[in-house]
């Protein structure tokens, strides 16, 4: 596997907000064809692009936006899946050199500025790492070694004023087959009323400083439409987010998490309504109580029968006395 393909495989697995699908062994030629197809199905800047009816992206010149279908084909060329959150990829307009930006739309619920400022960074890092490790099954099928997420390259930036959260982690190959260059995952999430746009830069560790300005330009080019901005939140109507970290950094859908919680609650109610099995001590107490009850019943029967026998004997004796007196 070439260094070019290894870099793509590492970065796409982490960027596309999905667990791995059945991966297929791909060739460098397939990757090159996928890249060519992506450019053939792209829109060049400057242009204003709609983002799922909730936001727009003012794509600058020197960039192209690859539609979701072509972006998925590029992903499949590497042997990965792509989730429903994927809107497309942003590539340099002239030549593809291995770095790119991923654009996702996330159904988060409303995330308050206070919630952004109080995100637990340990949990955020754990979610990013878990998402990367989930892709290792697909990487094994590709013939690549596993990947892992290292420490923050820079401390996460929580920008409550802009309703934005930015993280930057190191991604590296682990295990005995390691040998590829380390990469970075620079990620900014811009929160709207109930959904968010996520812009991720995928690049080599030594190369990302050159492309960081491009990432910032694209993030600043995202604007939510009236009615979908964070300030358009309607208390009592819009749902507050309960799973920010899992949705934004763990690659899971809010609806999926809520469905799982509802199922767990239903199962808990069903278990609570079912008769609980008795423990050993309770069973022993009931057994002893039953035995004592049987013994008491037997004694009562014998006592009853003994009393009736004594009365019958007394009655016979009395009759004999009366008969003798008449004679």
Protein backbone atom coordinates (compact mmCIF):
# COMPACT_ATOMS: atom_id res chain seq x y z
CA UNK A 1 0.00 0.00 0.00
CA UNK A 2 1.44 3.38 -1.03
CA UNK A 3 1.88 6.24 1.44
CA UNK A 4 -0.72 8.18 -0.60
CA UNK A 5 -3.32 5.48 -0.18
CA UNK A 6 -2.47 4.92 3.50
CA UNK A 7 -3.04 8.59 4.23
CA UNK A 8 -6.40 8.57 2.47
CA UNK A 9 -7.49 5.40 4.24
CA UNK A 10 -6.61 6.79 7.66
CA UNK A 11 -8.28 10.13 7.12
CA UNK A 12 -11.45 8.98 5.38
CA UNK A 13 -12.19 6.41 8.07
CA UNK A 14 -12.13 9.15 10.68
CA UNK A 15 -13.80 11.91 8.71
CA UNK A 16 -16.95 10.44 7.22
CA UNK A 17 -19.03 10.19 10.42
CA UNK A 18 -19.89 6.53 10.00
CA UNK A 19 -19.03 3.12 11.28
CA UNK A 20 -17.26 0.95 8.72
CA UNK A 21 -19.26 -0.93 6.14
CA UNK A 22 -17.98 -4.08 4.47
CA UNK A 23 -14.73 -2.84 3.03
CA UNK A 24 -13.41 -4.00 -0.31
CA UNK A 25 -9.80 -4.27 -1.36
CA UNK A 26 -9.09 -1.36 -3.66
CA UNK A 27 -6.19 -0.48 -5.92
CA UNK A 28 -4.35 2.76 -6.36
CA UNK A 29 -5.91 2.94 -9.81
CA UNK A 30 -9.40 2.82 -8.30
CA UNK A 31 -8.46 5.65 -5.95
CA UNK A 32 -7.14 7.74 -8.82
CA UNK A 33 -10.34 7.08 -10.79
CA UNK A 34 -12.41 8.08 -7.76
CA UNK A 35 -10.46 11.32 -7.40
CA UNK A 36 -10.96 12.09 -11.11
CA UNK A 37 -14.68 11.36 -10.77
CA UNK A 38 -14.85 13.68 -7.73
CA UNK A 39 -13.37 16.58 -9.68
CA UNK A 40 -15.70 15.87 -12.61
CA UNK A 41 -18.68 16.13 -10.26
CA UNK A 42 -17.69 19.24 -8.38
CA UNK A 43 -18.68 22.89 -8.30
CA UNK A 44 -15.92 25.47 -8.50
CA UNK A 45 -15.87 28.61 -6.39
CA UNK A 46 -16.64 31.38 -5.98
CA UNK A 47 -20.23 30.23 -5.46
CA UNK A 48 -22.82 30.15 -2.70
CA UNK A 49 -23.86 26.57 -1.96
CA UNK A 50 -27.02 25.50 -0.09
CA UNK A 51 -26.45 23.12 2.82
CA UNK A 52 -29.59 21.03 3.34
CA UNK A 53 -31.84 24.05 3.48
CA UNK A 54 -30.52 25.18 6.84
CA UNK A 55 -27.34 27.05 5.89
CA UNK A 56 -25.19 28.26 3.01
CA UNK A 57 -21.50 28.02 2.23
CA UNK A 58 -19.79 30.85 0.36
CA UNK A 59 -17.16 28.73 -1.36
CA UNK A 60 -14.12 30.86 -2.24
CA UNK A 61 -12.20 30.56 -5.48
CA UNK A 62 -9.35 28.07 -5.57
CA UNK A 63 -11.68 25.43 -4.09
CA UNK A 64 -14.19 22.95 -5.51
CA UNK A 65 -17.11 21.34 -3.71
CA UNK A 66 -17.66 17.64 -4.50
CA UNK A 67 -21.27 16.48 -4.23
CA UNK A 68 -22.28 13.77 -1.78
CA UNK A 69 -22.59 11.02 -4.40
CA UNK A 70 -19.09 11.59 -5.79
CA UNK A 71 -17.72 11.97 -2.25
CA UNK A 72 -19.16 8.58 -1.35
CA UNK A 73 -17.62 7.05 -4.45
CA UNK A 74 -14.23 8.37 -3.39
CA UNK A 75 -14.85 6.88 0.05
CA UNK A 76 -15.86 3.56 -1.47
CA UNK A 77 -12.76 3.60 -3.62
CA UNK A 78 -10.79 3.50 -0.39
CA UNK A 79 -13.10 0.74 0.90
CA UNK A 80 -15.16 2.71 3.44
CA UNK A 81 -18.76 3.70 3.92
CA UNK A 82 -20.21 7.19 4.26
CA UNK A 83 -23.02 8.20 6.55
CA UNK A 84 -26.12 10.26 5.86
CA UNK A 85 -24.50 13.27 7.54
CA UNK A 86 -22.04 13.73 4.67
CA UNK A 87 -22.75 16.74 2.45
CA UNK A 88 -19.56 16.63 0.41
CA UNK A 89 -15.84 17.22 0.21
CA UNK A 90 -13.94 20.42 -0.50
CA UNK A 91 -10.75 19.98 -2.53
CA UNK A 92 -8.14 22.41 -3.83
CA UNK A 93 -9.21 23.59 -7.27
CA UNK A 94 -6.05 22.72 -9.16
CA UNK A 95 -4.46 19.48 -7.98
CA UNK A 96 -5.36 16.96 -5.31
CA UNK A 97 -2.38 16.47 -3.01
CA UNK A 98 -3.90 14.38 -0.21
CA UNK A 99 -5.49 17.08 1.96
CA UNK A 100 -9.15 17.99 1.86
CA UNK A 101 -12.09 19.25 3.90
CA UNK A 102 -15.14 17.21 4.86
CA UNK A 103 -18.56 18.89 5.28
CA UNK A 104 -21.18 17.18 7.43
CA UNK A 105 -24.61 18.26 8.66
CA UNK A 106 -25.50 16.98 12.13
CA UNK A 107 -28.87 16.68 13.82
CA UNK A 108 -27.85 17.78 17.31
CA UNK A 109 -30.85 19.44 18.88
CA UNK A 110 -30.26 22.91 20.31
CA UNK A 111 -26.87 23.34 21.93
CA UNK A 112 -26.69 26.37 24.19
CA UNK A 113 -23.63 28.59 24.49
CA UNK A 114 -23.33 27.51 28.10
CA UNK A 115 -23.30 23.85 27.03
CA UNK A 116 -20.53 24.56 24.53
CA UNK A 117 -18.40 26.25 27.17
CA UNK A 118 -18.90 23.32 29.56
CA UNK A 119 -18.15 20.40 27.24
CA UNK A 120 -16.06 17.80 29.05
CA UNK A 121 -12.80 17.63 27.09
CA UNK A 122 -11.94 14.18 28.42
CA UNK A 123 -15.25 12.82 27.11
CA UNK A 124 -14.77 14.64 23.81
CA UNK A 125 -11.37 13.05 23.30
CA UNK A 126 -12.73 9.62 24.24
CA UNK A 127 -15.51 9.95 21.67
CA UNK A 128 -13.08 10.97 18.90
CA UNK A 129 -10.81 8.06 19.78
CA UNK A 130 -13.69 5.59 19.87
CA UNK A 131 -14.85 6.68 16.41
CA UNK A 132 -11.34 6.17 15.02
CA UNK A 133 -11.00 2.73 16.58
CA UNK A 134 -14.32 1.59 15.14
CA UNK A 135 -12.79 1.97 11.70
CA UNK A 136 -10.01 -0.49 12.42
CA UNK A 137 -12.11 -3.46 11.27
CA UNK A 138 -12.37 -1.92 7.82
CA UNK A 139 -8.66 -1.03 7.87
CA UNK A 140 -7.77 -4.66 8.57
CA UNK A 141 -9.78 -5.70 5.51
CA UNK A 142 -7.87 -3.12 3.49
CA UNK A 143 -4.57 -4.66 4.54
CA UNK A 144 -3.65 -1.66 6.70
CA UNK A 145 -2.67 -1.64 10.33
CA UNK A 146 -4.95 -0.17 13.00
CA UNK A 147 -5.05 3.53 13.76
CA UNK A 148 -5.39 5.40 17.01
CA UNK A 149 -5.87 8.96 18.19
CA UNK A 150 -3.17 10.65 20.22
CA UNK A 151 -3.26 13.68 22.46
CA UNK A 152 -4.54 17.09 21.45
CA UNK A 153 -2.16 18.80 19.06
CA UNK A 154 -3.57 22.03 20.47
CA UNK A 155 -6.07 22.57 23.30
CA UNK A 156 -9.70 22.56 22.08
CA UNK A 157 -11.14 26.00 21.50
CA UNK A 158 -14.59 26.71 22.86
CA UNK A 159 -16.00 29.82 21.19
CA UNK A 160 -19.36 30.43 22.83
CA UNK A 161 -19.77 33.81 21.12
CA UNK A 162 -19.57 32.29 17.63
CA UNK A 163 -21.39 29.14 18.73
CA UNK A 164 -18.40 27.08 17.63
CA UNK A 165 -16.18 24.33 19.00
CA UNK A 166 -12.80 23.37 17.48
CA UNK A 167 -10.58 20.38 18.19
CA UNK A 168 -7.24 19.21 16.78
CA UNK A 169 -5.93 15.70 17.44
CA UNK A 170 -3.06 13.62 16.10
CA UNK A 171 -3.91 10.41 14.23
CA UNK A 172 -1.32 7.69 13.83
CA UNK A 173 -0.96 4.09 12.76
CA UNK A 174 -0.48 1.67 15.65
CA UNK A 175 0.62 -1.94 15.87
CA UNK A 176 3.50 -3.82 14.28
CA UNK A 177 2.69 -2.64 10.75
CA UNK A 178 3.02 1.04 11.59
CA UNK A 179 5.10 3.09 9.23
CA UNK A 180 2.88 5.74 7.66
CA UNK A 181 3.13 9.43 8.45
CA UNK A 182 1.07 10.81 11.30
CA UNK A 183 -1.97 12.86 10.37
CA UNK A 184 -4.19 15.46 12.00
CA UNK A 185 -7.91 15.80 12.39
CA UNK A 186 -8.77 19.52 12.67
CA UNK A 187 -12.45 19.83 13.30
CA UNK A 188 -14.79 22.83 13.76
CA UNK A 189 -18.48 22.53 14.54
CA UNK A 190 -20.74 25.53 13.98
CA UNK A 191 -24.02 25.17 15.87
CA UNK A 192 -27.34 26.47 14.60
CA UNK A 193 -30.85 26.34 16.00
CA UNK A 194 -31.20 22.55 16.18
CA UNK A 195 -28.54 21.35 13.74
CA UNK A 196 -24.86 21.93 13.16
CA UNK A 197 -22.40 22.10 10.28
CA UNK A 198 -19.11 20.31 10.84
CA UNK A 199 -16.00 21.21 8.80
CA UNK A 200 -13.03 18.88 9.15
CA UNK A 201 -9.52 19.30 7.75
CA UNK A 202 -7.70 16.08 6.97
CA UNK A 203 -3.97 16.47 6.37
CA UNK A 204 -0.54 15.15 7.27
CA UNK A 205 0.89 16.30 10.58
CA UNK A 206 3.73 18.18 8.93
CA UNK A 207 1.46 19.69 6.27
CA UNK A 208 -1.57 20.91 8.20
CA UNK A 209 -0.16 24.34 9.18
CA UNK A 210 -0.10 25.25 5.47
CA UNK A 211 -3.79 24.34 5.06
CA UNK A 212 -5.10 25.68 8.34
CA UNK A 213 -5.98 29.05 6.82
CA UNK A 214 -8.11 27.26 4.22
CA UNK A 215 -9.99 25.48 6.98
CA UNK A 216 -10.65 28.77 8.78
CA UNK A 217 -11.89 30.41 5.57
CA UNK A 218 -14.39 27.63 4.95
CA UNK A 219 -15.63 27.61 8.55
CA UNK A 220 -16.17 31.39 8.44
CA UNK A 221 -18.00 30.97 5.11
CA UNK A 222 -20.79 28.96 6.74
CA UNK A 223 -23.93 30.94 7.56
CA UNK A 224 -27.22 29.64 8.90
CA UNK A 225 -30.39 30.84 7.19
CA UNK A 226 -33.00 32.92 9.06
CA UNK A 227 -35.05 30.61 11.20
CA UNK A 228 -32.17 28.15 11.57
CA UNK A 229 -29.69 30.37 13.42
CA UNK A 230 -28.80 29.67 17.03
CA UNK A 231 -30.50 32.89 18.10
CA UNK A 232 -33.76 31.67 16.49
CA UNK A 233 -34.17 29.07 19.24
CA UNK A 234 -37.72 28.87 20.59
CA UNK A 235 -37.96 27.81 24.21
CA UNK A 236 -40.65 25.19 24.73
CA UNK A 237 -40.72 24.28 21.04
CA UNK A 238 -37.17 23.31 20.17
CA UNK A 239 -35.56 20.32 21.82
CA UNK A 240 -32.40 20.88 23.80
CA UNK A 241 -29.53 18.55 22.96
CA UNK A 242 -28.91 15.70 25.38
CA UNK A 243 -26.10 13.92 23.52
CA UNK A 244 -23.79 16.59 22.11
CA UNK A 245 -20.55 14.64 22.48
CA UNK A 246 -21.90 11.35 21.10
CA UNK A 247 -23.50 13.05 18.08
CA UNK A 248 -20.79 15.60 17.22
CA UNK A 249 -17.67 13.60 18.04
CA UNK A 250 -18.83 9.98 18.27
CA UNK A 251 -20.44 9.73 14.85
CA UNK A 252 -23.89 8.77 16.17
CA UNK A 253 -27.29 10.19 15.22
CA UNK A 254 -29.45 11.90 17.84
CA UNK A 255 -32.48 9.91 16.63
CA UNK A 256 -30.55 6.65 16.97
CA UNK A 257 -29.53 7.45 20.54
CA UNK A 258 -33.05 8.50 21.52
CA UNK A 259 -34.50 5.32 20.00
CA UNK A 260 -32.04 3.19 21.99
CA UNK A 261 -32.90 5.02 25.22
CA UNK A 262 -36.64 4.60 24.56
CA UNK A 263 -36.14 0.87 23.96
CA UNK A 264 -34.10 0.55 27.15
CA UNK A 265 -36.83 2.36 29.12
CA UNK A 266 -39.49 0.03 27.68
CA UNK A 267 -37.40 -3.03 28.58
CA UNK A 268 -36.88 -1.70 32.10
CA UNK A 269 -40.64 -1.26 32.58
CA UNK A 270 -41.27 -4.75 31.22
CA UNK A 271 -38.73 -6.26 33.60
CA UNK A 272 -40.17 -4.32 36.54
CA UNK A 273 -43.66 -5.68 35.79
CA UNK A 274 -42.45 -9.29 35.67
CA UNK A 275 -42.48 -11.40 38.89
CA UNK A 276 -39.06 -11.35 40.40
CA UNK A 277 -37.39 -14.74 40.95
CA UNK A 278 -36.93 -15.66 44.61
CA UNK A 279 -33.45 -15.87 46.02
CA UNK A 280 -32.18 -19.01 47.79
CA UNK A 281 -32.89 -17.75 51.31
CA UNK A 282 -36.49 -16.91 50.46
CA UNK A 283 -37.01 -20.27 48.81
CA UNK A 284 -35.60 -22.05 51.92
CA UNK A 285 -37.86 -20.09 54.23
CA UNK A 286 -40.91 -20.95 52.16
CA UNK A 287 -39.91 -24.64 52.06
CA UNK A 288 -39.46 -24.82 55.82
CA UNK A 289 -42.73 -22.98 56.34
CA UNK A 290 -44.51 -25.47 54.10
CA UNK A 291 -43.02 -28.45 55.92
CA UNK A 292 -44.01 -27.05 59.31
CA UNK A 293 -47.51 -26.48 57.99
CA UNK A 294 -47.77 -30.10 56.86
CA UNK A 295 -46.51 -31.37 60.23
CA UNK A 296 -49.00 -29.19 62.08
CA UNK A 297 -51.84 -30.47 59.89
CA UNK A 298 -50.87 -34.11 60.51
CA UNK A 299 -50.76 -33.55 64.29
CA UNK A 300 -54.12 -31.85 64.17
CA UNK A 301 -55.63 -34.77 62.31
CA UNK A 302 -54.23 -37.30 64.80
CA UNK A 303 -55.43 -35.22 67.73
CA UNK A 304 -58.89 -34.98 66.22
CA UNK A 305 -59.07 -38.70 65.61
CA UNK A 306 -57.79 -39.48 69.14
CA UNK A 307 -60.49 -37.31 70.69
CA UNK A 308 -63.22 -39.03 68.72
CA UNK A 309 -61.90 -42.47 69.84
CA UNK A 310 -61.97 -41.55 73.54
CA UNK A 311 -65.55 -40.28 73.26
CA UNK A 312 -66.66 -43.47 71.50
CA UNK A 313 -65.08 -45.69 74.23
CA UNK A 314 -66.77 -43.69 77.00
CA UNK A 315 -70.14 -43.99 75.30
CA UNK A 316 -69.80 -47.79 75.01
CA UNK A 317 -68.92 -48.14 78.68
CA UNK A 318 -71.92 -46.08 79.73
CA UNK A 319 -74.30 -48.20 77.65
CA UNK A 320 -72.88 -51.38 79.21
CA UNK A 321 -73.51 -50.02 82.72
CA UNK A 322 -77.12 -49.17 81.91
CA UNK A 323 -77.78 -52.61 80.45
CA UNK A 324 -76.38 -54.36 83.56
CA UNK A 325 -78.60 -52.27 85.84
CA UNK A 326 -81.80 -53.39 84.04
CA UNK A 327 -80.97 -57.05 84.39
